Protein backbone atom coordinates (compact mmCIF):
# COMPACT_ATOMS: atom_id res chain seq x y z
CA MET A 1 -13.13 -23.11 12.86
CA ASN A 2 -11.87 -26.47 14.11
CA ALA A 3 -13.71 -28.26 11.29
CA ALA A 4 -12.04 -26.06 8.69
CA ILE A 5 -8.59 -26.68 10.18
CA GLU A 6 -9.25 -30.41 10.34
CA SER A 7 -10.31 -30.51 6.67
CA LEU A 8 -7.20 -28.56 5.67
CA CYS A 9 -4.99 -30.99 7.59
CA SER A 10 -6.82 -33.94 6.02
CA ALA A 11 -6.28 -32.51 2.54
CA ALA A 12 -2.57 -32.05 3.22
CA VAL A 13 -2.07 -35.73 4.05
CA PRO A 14 -1.82 -37.99 0.97
CA GLY A 15 -4.54 -40.60 0.42
CA ASP A 16 -8.32 -40.63 0.26
CA THR A 17 -9.02 -41.31 3.93
CA GLN A 18 -7.03 -41.01 7.14
CA ARG A 19 -7.40 -43.09 10.27
CA SER A 20 -6.78 -41.57 13.65
CA LEU A 21 -6.33 -38.04 12.38
CA LEU A 22 -6.12 -35.93 15.51
CA VAL A 23 -6.01 -32.16 15.27
CA ASP A 24 -5.65 -30.30 18.55
CA SER A 25 -6.22 -26.58 18.03
CA GLU A 26 -6.13 -24.05 20.81
CA PHE A 27 -7.04 -20.39 20.42
CA SER A 28 -6.52 -17.64 22.94
CA ASP A 29 -6.73 -13.87 22.93
CA GLU A 30 -8.45 -13.73 19.55
CA ARG A 31 -8.79 -10.28 17.99
CA TYR A 32 -10.23 -9.14 14.72
CA LYS A 33 -9.49 -6.05 12.72
CA HIS A 34 -11.27 -4.78 9.65
CA VAL A 35 -9.19 -5.05 6.53
CA LEU A 36 -10.05 -3.42 3.23
CA LEU A 37 -9.07 -5.77 0.46
CA PRO A 38 -7.52 -5.84 -2.07
CA VAL A 39 -4.57 -3.75 -0.94
CA TRP A 40 -1.29 -3.53 -2.80
CA LEU A 41 1.93 -2.62 -1.04
CA VAL A 42 4.88 -1.53 -3.18
CA THR A 43 8.39 -0.80 -2.00
CA TYR A 44 10.85 0.73 -4.43
CA ASP A 45 14.36 2.12 -4.27
CA TYR A 46 15.24 5.48 -5.76
CA CYS A 47 18.64 7.15 -5.37
CA ALA A 48 19.76 4.66 -2.70
CA GLN A 49 16.66 5.35 -0.59
CA SER A 50 13.66 3.08 -0.05
CA TYR A 51 10.07 4.35 -0.53
CA GLN A 52 6.71 2.65 0.09
CA ALA A 53 3.33 3.04 -1.56
CA VAL A 54 0.00 1.50 -0.49
CA VAL A 55 -2.91 1.30 -2.95
CA ASN A 56 -6.47 0.52 -1.80
CA GLY A 57 -7.84 -1.64 -4.60
CA ALA A 58 -11.47 -0.89 -3.71
CA THR A 59 -11.25 2.92 -3.86
CA GLY A 60 -8.00 3.49 -5.75
CA GLN A 61 -6.69 5.75 -3.01
CA VAL A 62 -2.89 5.90 -2.93
CA SER A 63 -0.85 6.65 0.15
CA ALA A 64 2.86 6.93 -0.49
CA ASP A 65 6.21 8.38 0.41
CA ARG A 66 7.71 10.04 -2.62
CA PRO A 67 11.11 11.40 -3.46
CA TRP A 68 11.24 15.18 -3.63
CA SER A 69 13.79 16.80 -5.92
CA PRO A 70 15.07 20.08 -4.48
CA VAL A 71 16.15 21.22 -7.96
CA LYS A 72 12.73 20.56 -9.49
CA LEU A 73 10.96 22.24 -6.58
CA ALA A 74 13.17 25.32 -6.95
CA LEU A 75 12.48 25.42 -10.70
CA LEU A 76 8.74 25.16 -10.04
CA VAL A 77 8.81 28.04 -7.56
CA LEU A 78 10.92 30.19 -9.92
CA SER A 79 8.62 29.48 -12.88
CA MET A 80 5.54 30.38 -10.79
CA LEU A 81 7.20 33.63 -9.70
CA ALA A 82 8.11 34.40 -13.33
CA LEU A 83 4.51 33.72 -14.38
CA LEU A 84 3.16 36.01 -11.65
CA TYR A 85 5.65 38.72 -12.68
CA ALA A 86 4.57 38.38 -16.32
CA PHE A 87 0.92 38.81 -15.29
CA TYR A 88 1.91 41.84 -13.24
CA LEU A 89 3.69 43.40 -16.24
CA PHE A 90 0.71 42.84 -18.55
CA GLN A 91 -1.66 44.41 -16.02
CA GLN A 92 0.29 47.69 -16.00
CA PRO A 93 -1.36 50.43 -18.03
CA GLY A 94 0.52 51.53 -20.86
């Protein structure tokens, strides 16, 4: 890892060669976590409220907060009840 850091520092300094380039790296308490990449993180505002969505680019799985509309939910429930009532009426003999 020190060689990679040293080459990055050398590339950042202008010129072909550097004299007396000294890179002193110190690492402590190193930890690694598995990361599934690519991952996209989206934050959007809707009706003065902030929502986040995370998309796993490898699997396409989406995990998100979403805005719920109480009016649309009520209309959905009422339409489902009306549909069930219509089925009930058509099932009646007669």
